[in-house]
Every structure is written in structure tokens, then in C-alpha cells.
């Protein structure tokens, strides 16, 4: 009897001006112990030496597909292009400055088979550059602690556990960075992929949307090293447009949660645990804060971003008109109940 062939895992690497760490990333992928990988690299019209590094990269063991966009289409569209080129049953995103342990993909897929899961998340460590601000390091370390608490003593993580943590940390990424995940390609299609309204939170929102419905598995043995540095896409997005990254993105994500059909189960979950006003109260507080900032700041860019957001999402106006005091009181009560509930359920098994 012939030995069954392992399924193809498509490793997707969207690249834009990533020359500084790209070679190290590609080397870590070319050394993977899993034996049926295709490597897909799409250069989003980089202006540095990324193209040279990509052109000279060849893997002796794995099929490699290389493309270069004629113009810069942005991270979201470039991720979608990577997926469109993939022939594998599974998708593994790796970003241009992250590193995979040699057995990372093998361990992720082993966990997928063992748990019969469509979404698997691996363990991670952060690599901080010398120029990373202390507040940024503290922020990432805080997220790492939440992530470890979420995955602690769990290999198979239920939708209920995801929902509980999502309720408490709804605007903080407790799930992990995109490079941490292995996901079935059909699952990406089922939940409509990344949301085009978002830039900074598009990966967190996507994995929240999918895991709230599917649950996920966690592999403690699959290690991903996530690099934090001042030239990363996340850092640039935050620094170049603080108003959008700290205000608009959160409002848009809350609107997606409220309106996207794939969050219906989560919204019903909030109703069942007496938090039916939670999302509305968050939206009122967030929209009022953003509106105030846009009007107070003597900054045409900030005002333009706010006006465009309201134009594209006129629903925002109804939240601005609602009572601030009533909703801040509601949010305080909701937060108090969430914290009490979180303590109570922390000793339970899912």
C-alpha cells in the first residue's frame, strides 16, 4: 500500500521593503522539517533590495513561486494575492521579519491532525531591536502574558473560551500575530478573508471572527519568533497615523462585530451573559472620543480621516448622538461584571 502524501502547506510571504531581515526569514522557512511545502513570495513593488534577495532565493527542497506587483497594492491586497497563488490545503503566513523554528510547521500540522482542527496557533517569542521603546516592549510583554493565560494547559481551545477572552480583551490581540497561525484554506474562504476596512487590526479581526466560530488548537512545541523593530509594518502604521491606529481602527472593528453575520453567535453569547449593551456602549464612548479629537486637533489629515470614516460609515453618527454619561455608566458596569465573571470561569475547564 502506498504511503499517503502529506498535504501541501502553502507558506505565504507578502513582502514590502523588508530587505533588512528577509534573508533570515526565508532561510528559516527553507529549513523546515515538514516535507511538503510550497513557498509563495509576493513583492509589493519594494523600493529597497528586497527584490534582489527574493530573486536569488531558491529552495532545494520546496517549490517556490515568486511574483512582483507592478505597483504597490498594500498589505491586505498582497495577502489576498498570496492566497490566490496557493495550491495547498493549508495556508501559513510568515511575515518578512519573523522566524520559524525548524520544526514549527511540522508541529503545527501534527497538532491539527491530533485535534482535528482547522485553525492552529503556535507558541511565540518576541525579538526586540535595541531601538524598541520601553513602552512598546512592556505593551508586547503584557499581550504575551494574556496570550499565555488564554492558551495555558489547553491544546484544543473551544469557541466558548475564545468568546470569554474576546469579551474581556475585545480590543487587544490576545490571539497572536499572523505568523503564529496555520489555517485551512477553505476556512479562509468560508469566513470571507480579511476585512478591507481595516489596516492595523485586519489580522486580529479575521482570526477573532474565525476562532469564535471554529475554536482553535494550540501547539506549545511550534515556535515562531516575532520581531519587533521600528521599521516594521505595525510600528510604521502606528507612528505615521496615530489617530487612525488608536481610534478609527477600533471603531471600525466594533462596527464589524455588531454588523457582520459571522459575529452573530458572539452577540448572542453577550446577550446570554447579560452584556447586551456592551458593544453599543463601547461604540458610543469610542466615537465620541474620536469626534472630539478630530474637532479639537488643528490637523487637516486627522479631520479628513474622520470625515471620510463618517462618510463611509454614516451609522457612526447615531452613536455620537447618544448620551455619554449613560453609556460610560453602562460600560463601567459591564467591565465590572466581565472581570468578576472572568475570575469565576478561570478555575473551570472548557
Protein backbone atom coordinates (compact mmCIF):
# COMPACT_ATOMS: atom_id res chain seq x y z
CA UNK A 1 0.00 0.00 0.00
CA UNK A 2 1.46 3.42 -0.98
CA UNK A 3 2.26 5.84 1.84
CA UNK A 4 -0.24 8.75 1.83
CA UNK A 5 1.29 12.03 0.73
CA UNK A 6 1.24 14.80 3.29
CA UNK A 7 -0.95 17.71 2.20
CA UNK A 8 0.69 20.77 0.70
CA UNK A 9 1.15 23.66 3.10
CA UNK A 10 1.44 26.99 1.27
CA UNK A 11 3.79 29.35 3.09
CA UNK A 12 2.73 32.85 2.04
CA UNK A 13 5.21 35.72 2.42
CA UNK A 14 3.92 39.18 1.47
CA UNK A 15 6.94 41.48 1.17
CA UNK A 16 7.37 45.24 1.10
CA UNK A 17 10.73 46.87 1.81
CA UNK A 18 11.78 44.01 4.07
CA UNK A 19 15.39 43.61 2.95
CA UNK A 20 16.90 44.01 6.42
CA UNK A 21 15.55 40.71 7.81
CA UNK A 22 14.09 38.96 4.76
CA UNK A 23 17.00 36.60 4.12
CA UNK A 24 16.84 35.28 7.68
CA UNK A 25 13.10 34.73 7.33
CA UNK A 26 13.47 32.85 4.04
CA UNK A 27 16.30 30.71 5.45
CA UNK A 28 14.14 29.68 8.40
CA UNK A 29 11.39 28.54 6.01
CA UNK A 30 13.75 26.66 3.71
CA UNK A 31 14.97 24.60 6.71
CA UNK A 32 11.54 23.30 7.75
CA UNK A 33 11.29 19.61 8.66
CA UNK A 34 7.81 19.26 7.13
CA UNK A 35 8.38 17.82 3.67
CA UNK A 36 5.53 19.14 1.51
CA UNK A 37 5.76 22.92 1.43
CA UNK A 38 5.38 25.46 -1.33
CA UNK A 39 6.83 28.91 -0.71
CA UNK A 40 4.95 31.86 -2.20
CA UNK A 41 6.69 35.25 -2.15
CA UNK A 42 4.92 38.33 -3.49
CA UNK A 43 6.94 41.55 -3.58
CA UNK A 44 4.64 44.56 -3.37
CA UNK A 45 6.87 46.71 -5.61
CA UNK A 46 9.56 47.25 -2.95
CA UNK A 47 11.98 50.16 -3.31
CA UNK A 48 14.80 48.57 -1.29
CA UNK A 49 16.85 45.42 -2.01
CA UNK A 50 14.00 43.01 -1.26
CA UNK A 51 13.68 42.10 -4.94
CA UNK A 52 17.36 41.12 -5.16
CA UNK A 53 17.06 38.86 -2.10
CA UNK A 54 13.88 37.24 -3.47
CA UNK A 55 15.37 36.68 -6.95
CA UNK A 56 18.44 34.90 -5.64
CA UNK A 57 16.49 32.76 -3.15
CA UNK A 58 15.93 29.17 -4.22
CA UNK A 59 14.98 26.23 -2.04
CA UNK A 60 16.43 22.85 -2.91
CA UNK A 61 13.57 21.06 -1.15
CA UNK A 62 10.46 23.14 -1.78
CA UNK A 63 8.66 24.59 -4.77
CA UNK A 64 8.99 28.37 -4.80
CA UNK A 65 6.61 30.82 -6.52
CA UNK A 66 7.80 34.41 -6.91
CA UNK A 67 5.80 37.40 -8.09
CA UNK A 68 6.32 41.15 -8.13
CA UNK A 69 3.43 43.60 -8.27
CA UNK A 70 3.58 46.34 -10.90
CA UNK A 71 2.53 48.86 -8.27
CA UNK A 72 2.15 48.94 -4.51
CA UNK A 73 -1.25 47.41 -3.71
CA UNK A 74 -0.99 47.37 0.11
CA UNK A 75 -0.68 44.63 2.69
CA UNK A 76 -4.28 43.41 2.56
CA UNK A 77 -4.39 43.01 -1.23
CA UNK A 78 -0.92 41.47 -1.23
CA UNK A 79 -2.02 38.85 1.33
CA UNK A 80 -5.02 38.05 -0.85
CA UNK A 81 -2.73 37.68 -3.87
CA UNK A 82 -0.54 35.23 -1.95
CA UNK A 83 -3.62 33.14 -1.14
CA UNK A 84 -4.78 33.20 -4.77
CA UNK A 85 -1.43 31.70 -5.85
CA UNK A 86 -1.54 28.97 -3.22
CA UNK A 87 -2.29 25.39 -4.27
CA UNK A 88 -2.12 23.93 -0.76
CA UNK A 89 -4.94 22.83 1.51
CA UNK A 90 -3.35 24.84 4.31
CA UNK A 91 -2.10 28.44 4.48
CA UNK A 92 0.80 29.56 6.68
CA UNK A 93 1.51 33.28 6.59
CA UNK A 94 5.02 34.32 7.53
CA UNK A 95 5.87 37.99 7.51
CA UNK A 96 9.14 39.35 6.20
CA UNK A 97 10.85 39.83 9.57
CA UNK A 98 9.64 36.76 11.52
CA UNK A 99 11.48 33.46 12.02
CA UNK A 100 10.17 29.90 12.26
CA UNK A 101 11.81 27.21 14.33
CA UNK A 102 12.91 24.26 12.18
CA UNK A 103 10.04 22.01 13.34
CA UNK A 104 7.42 24.77 13.52
CA UNK A 105 5.23 23.73 10.57
CA UNK A 106 5.60 20.02 11.37
CA UNK A 107 4.40 20.63 14.94
CA UNK A 108 1.51 22.84 13.81
CA UNK A 109 0.29 20.23 11.36
CA UNK A 110 0.75 17.42 13.90
CA UNK A 111 -1.50 19.37 16.30
CA UNK A 112 -4.03 19.90 13.50
CA UNK A 113 -4.28 16.15 12.89
CA UNK A 114 -4.34 15.26 16.58
CA UNK A 115 -7.12 17.73 17.43
CA UNK A 116 -8.98 17.68 14.08
CA UNK A 117 -8.79 21.48 13.97
CA UNK A 118 -8.88 23.91 11.06
CA UNK A 119 -7.02 26.70 12.87
CA UNK A 120 -3.83 26.12 14.84
CA UNK A 121 -1.77 28.66 16.75
CA UNK A 122 1.85 28.16 17.74
CA UNK A 123 3.97 29.34 20.64
CA UNK A 124 5.92 32.56 20.21
CA UNK A 125 8.76 34.68 21.48
CA UNK A 126 9.45 38.33 20.74
CA UNK A 127 12.76 39.58 19.35
CA UNK A 128 13.13 43.24 20.33
CA UNK A 129 15.57 45.50 18.49
CA UNK A 130 17.81 47.80 20.53
CA UNK A 131 15.77 50.82 19.39
CA UNK A 132 12.39 49.44 20.51
CA UNK A 133 10.88 51.94 23.02
CA UNK A 134 10.43 50.58 26.54
CA UNK A 135 6.66 51.29 26.49
CA UNK A 136 6.38 49.17 23.32
CA UNK A 137 8.27 46.30 24.96
CA UNK A 138 6.02 46.49 28.03
CA UNK A 139 2.93 46.51 25.79
CA UNK A 140 4.04 43.39 23.91
CA UNK A 141 5.02 41.61 27.12
CA UNK A 142 1.56 42.36 28.54
CA UNK A 143 -0.08 40.88 25.42
CA UNK A 144 2.21 37.85 25.69
CA UNK A 145 1.07 37.23 29.29
CA UNK A 146 -2.59 37.40 28.23
CA UNK A 147 -1.89 35.04 25.33
CA UNK A 148 -0.19 32.52 27.62
CA UNK A 149 -3.10 32.70 30.05
CA UNK A 150 -5.50 32.09 27.17
CA UNK A 151 -3.62 29.01 25.95
CA UNK A 152 -2.49 27.71 29.35
CA UNK A 153 -2.99 23.96 29.77
CA UNK A 154 -5.02 23.79 26.55
CA UNK A 155 -4.34 22.05 23.28
CA UNK A 156 -7.90 22.23 21.97
CA UNK A 157 -9.47 25.63 22.68
CA UNK A 158 -13.25 25.84 22.40
CA UNK A 159 -15.36 28.62 20.92
CA UNK A 160 -16.61 29.32 24.46
CA UNK A 161 -13.11 30.02 25.76
CA UNK A 162 -12.38 32.25 22.77
CA UNK A 163 -15.63 34.15 23.44
CA UNK A 164 -14.79 34.64 27.12
CA UNK A 165 -11.36 36.06 26.38
CA UNK A 166 -12.63 38.11 23.44
CA UNK A 167 -15.20 39.70 25.74
CA UNK A 168 -12.53 40.77 28.22
CA UNK A 169 -9.80 41.72 25.73
CA UNK A 170 -12.00 42.73 22.82
CA UNK A 171 -9.69 45.48 21.54
CA UNK A 172 -6.39 43.82 22.39
CA UNK A 173 -4.89 40.98 20.37
CA UNK A 174 -4.80 38.06 22.80
CA UNK A 175 -4.74 35.52 19.94
CA UNK A 176 -1.34 36.19 18.41
CA UNK A 177 0.31 37.59 15.31
CA UNK A 178 -0.45 36.22 11.79
CA UNK A 179 2.84 34.31 11.62
CA UNK A 180 1.66 32.19 14.57
CA UNK A 181 -1.19 30.54 12.65
CA UNK A 182 -1.74 27.61 10.33
CA UNK A 183 -5.22 27.66 8.80
CA UNK A 184 -7.18 25.59 6.32
CA UNK A 185 -7.58 27.45 3.04
CA UNK A 186 -11.29 26.56 2.88
CA UNK A 187 -11.76 28.20 6.30
CA UNK A 188 -10.42 31.49 4.94
CA UNK A 189 -12.96 31.29 2.12
CA UNK A 190 -15.78 30.28 4.45
CA UNK A 191 -15.34 33.42 6.57
CA UNK A 192 -14.62 35.79 3.66
CA UNK A 193 -10.98 36.52 4.36
CA UNK A 194 -9.57 39.80 5.66
CA UNK A 195 -11.80 42.83 6.07
CA UNK A 196 -10.79 45.65 3.70
CA UNK A 197 -11.94 48.39 6.11
CA UNK A 198 -9.06 47.64 8.48
CA UNK A 199 -5.31 48.11 8.18
CA UNK A 200 -3.81 47.74 11.67
CA UNK A 201 -6.31 45.23 13.10
CA UNK A 202 -7.15 43.24 9.97
CA UNK A 203 -5.36 40.08 11.10
CA UNK A 204 -6.71 40.17 14.67
CA UNK A 205 -10.26 40.75 13.46
CA UNK A 206 -10.00 37.89 10.97
CA UNK A 207 -8.67 35.37 13.48
CA UNK A 208 -11.22 36.54 16.06
CA UNK A 209 -14.02 36.07 13.52
CA UNK A 210 -12.90 32.57 12.60
CA UNK A 211 -11.96 31.23 16.04
CA UNK A 212 -15.17 32.49 17.65
CA UNK A 213 -16.95 30.10 15.27
CA UNK A 214 -14.41 27.31 14.88
CA UNK A 215 -12.37 27.32 18.06
CA UNK A 216 -8.68 26.54 17.57
CA UNK A 217 -5.85 24.28 18.63
CA UNK A 218 -2.64 25.37 20.30
CA UNK A 219 0.82 23.88 19.79
CA UNK A 220 3.27 24.57 22.58
CA UNK A 221 6.06 22.94 20.55
CA UNK A 222 5.71 25.05 17.37
CA UNK A 223 7.88 28.12 17.90
CA UNK A 224 7.61 31.41 16.00
CA UNK A 225 9.98 34.29 16.69
CA UNK A 226 8.18 37.58 16.14
CA UNK A 227 10.49 40.52 15.55
CA UNK A 228 9.59 43.95 16.95
CA UNK A 229 11.52 46.85 15.43
CA UNK A 230 11.00 50.45 14.38
CA UNK A 231 10.76 49.63 10.66
CA UNK A 232 8.03 47.00 10.96
CA UNK A 233 4.66 47.42 9.23
CA UNK A 234 2.90 47.56 12.61
CA UNK A 235 5.26 50.19 14.00
CA UNK A 236 5.08 52.33 10.85
CA UNK A 237 1.29 52.19 10.73
CA UNK A 238 1.04 53.25 14.36
CA UNK A 239 3.63 56.01 14.18
CA UNK A 240 2.56 57.52 10.87
CA UNK A 241 -1.11 57.71 11.73
CA UNK A 242 -1.78 57.58 15.45
CA UNK A 243 -5.35 58.84 15.07
CA UNK A 244 -6.35 56.03 12.75
CA UNK A 245 -4.49 53.26 14.59
CA UNK A 246 -5.64 54.31 18.09
CA UNK A 247 -9.16 55.50 17.30
CA UNK A 248 -10.65 54.72 13.88
CA UNK A 249 -9.49 51.10 13.71
CA UNK A 250 -11.21 50.24 16.99
CA UNK A 251 -14.45 51.91 15.96
CA UNK A 252 -14.46 50.03 12.66
CA UNK A 253 -13.75 46.74 14.38
CA UNK A 254 -16.65 47.30 16.78
CA UNK A 255 -18.94 48.05 13.83
CA UNK A 256 -17.81 44.83 12.15
CA UNK A 257 -18.57 42.86 15.33
CA UNK A 258 -22.01 44.42 15.51
CA UNK A 259 -22.93 44.01 11.83
CA UNK A 260 -21.05 41.03 10.39
CA UNK A 261 -23.12 37.83 10.34
CA UNK A 262 -20.14 35.75 11.47
CA UNK A 263 -20.33 37.51 14.85
CA UNK A 264 -23.98 36.57 15.42
CA UNK A 265 -23.05 33.73 17.76
CA UNK A 266 -20.82 36.07 19.76
CA UNK A 267 -23.54 38.73 20.02
CA UNK A 268 -25.97 36.04 21.21
CA UNK A 269 -23.33 34.95 23.72
CA UNK A 270 -23.18 38.52 25.10
CA UNK A 271 -26.97 38.53 25.45
CA UNK A 272 -26.86 35.27 27.41
CA UNK A 273 -24.31 36.60 29.91
CA UNK A 274 -26.17 39.90 30.45
CA UNK A 275 -23.88 42.08 28.34
CA UNK A 276 -26.29 43.03 25.58
CA UNK A 277 -25.33 46.74 25.83
CA UNK A 278 -21.58 46.17 25.88
CA UNK A 279 -20.74 46.75 22.19
CA UNK A 280 -23.12 49.72 21.92
CA UNK A 281 -21.56 51.38 24.97
CA UNK A 282 -18.05 50.86 23.59
CA UNK A 283 -19.13 52.36 20.26
CA UNK A 284 -20.66 55.43 21.91
CA UNK A 285 -17.56 56.13 24.03
CA UNK A 286 -15.13 55.48 21.18
CA UNK A 287 -16.99 57.53 18.56
CA UNK A 288 -17.41 60.48 20.91
CA UNK A 289 -13.71 60.41 21.79
CA UNK A 290 -12.68 60.27 18.12
CA UNK A 291 -15.10 63.02 17.14
CA UNK A 292 -13.78 65.26 19.91
CA UNK A 293 -10.16 64.63 18.93
CA UNK A 294 -10.87 65.30 15.25
CA UNK A 295 -12.53 68.62 16.05
CA UNK A 296 -10.01 69.78 18.64
CA UNK A 297 -6.85 68.96 16.73
CA UNK A 298 -5.59 71.58 14.32
CA UNK A 299 -4.68 68.86 11.85
CA UNK A 300 -6.23 68.64 8.40
CA UNK A 301 -5.20 64.99 7.98
CA UNK A 302 -6.94 63.95 11.19
CA UNK A 303 -10.11 65.82 10.26
CA UNK A 304 -10.03 64.38 6.75
CA UNK A 305 -9.71 60.82 8.08
CA UNK A 306 -12.60 61.35 10.48
CA UNK A 307 -14.86 62.91 7.83
CA UNK A 308 -14.09 60.10 5.39
CA UNK A 309 -14.82 57.49 8.06
CA UNK A 310 -18.20 59.05 8.86
CA UNK A 311 -18.98 59.37 5.15
CA UNK A 312 -18.21 55.69 4.57
CA UNK A 313 -19.96 54.59 7.78
CA UNK A 314 -22.84 57.01 8.47
CA UNK A 315 -24.04 54.64 11.20
CA UNK A 316 -21.35 56.26 13.38
CA UNK A 317 -23.47 59.42 13.69
CA UNK A 318 -26.18 57.70 15.72
CA UNK A 319 -23.61 56.69 18.37
CA UNK A 320 -22.23 60.23 18.63
CA UNK A 321 -25.74 61.50 19.40
CA UNK A 322 -26.28 59.12 22.33
CA UNK A 323 -25.75 60.04 25.99
CA UNK A 324 -22.12 59.89 27.09
CA UNK A 325 -22.87 59.65 30.82
CA UNK A 326 -25.43 56.88 30.40
CA UNK A 327 -23.08 54.82 28.29
CA UNK A 328 -19.99 55.39 30.43
CA UNK A 329 -22.02 54.16 33.41
CA UNK A 330 -23.14 51.16 31.36
CA UNK A 331 -19.57 50.43 30.29
CA UNK A 332 -18.30 50.60 33.89
CA UNK A 333 -20.96 48.09 34.97
CA UNK A 334 -20.21 45.83 32.02
CA UNK A 335 -16.48 45.92 32.71
CA UNK A 336 -17.04 45.14 36.41
CA UNK A 337 -19.23 42.14 35.54
CA UNK A 338 -16.75 40.91 32.89
CA UNK A 339 -13.88 40.98 35.40
CA UNK A 340 -15.91 39.17 38.08
CA UNK A 341 -17.07 36.58 35.56
CA UNK A 342 -13.55 36.10 34.21
CA UNK A 343 -12.25 35.31 37.69
CA UNK A 344 -15.09 32.83 38.27
CA UNK A 345 -14.60 30.94 35.00
CA UNK A 346 -10.77 30.88 35.24
CA UNK A 347 -10.97 27.82 37.51
CA UNK A 348 -13.32 25.93 35.19
CA UNK A 349 -12.34 23.60 32.36
CA UNK A 350 -13.67 24.17 28.86
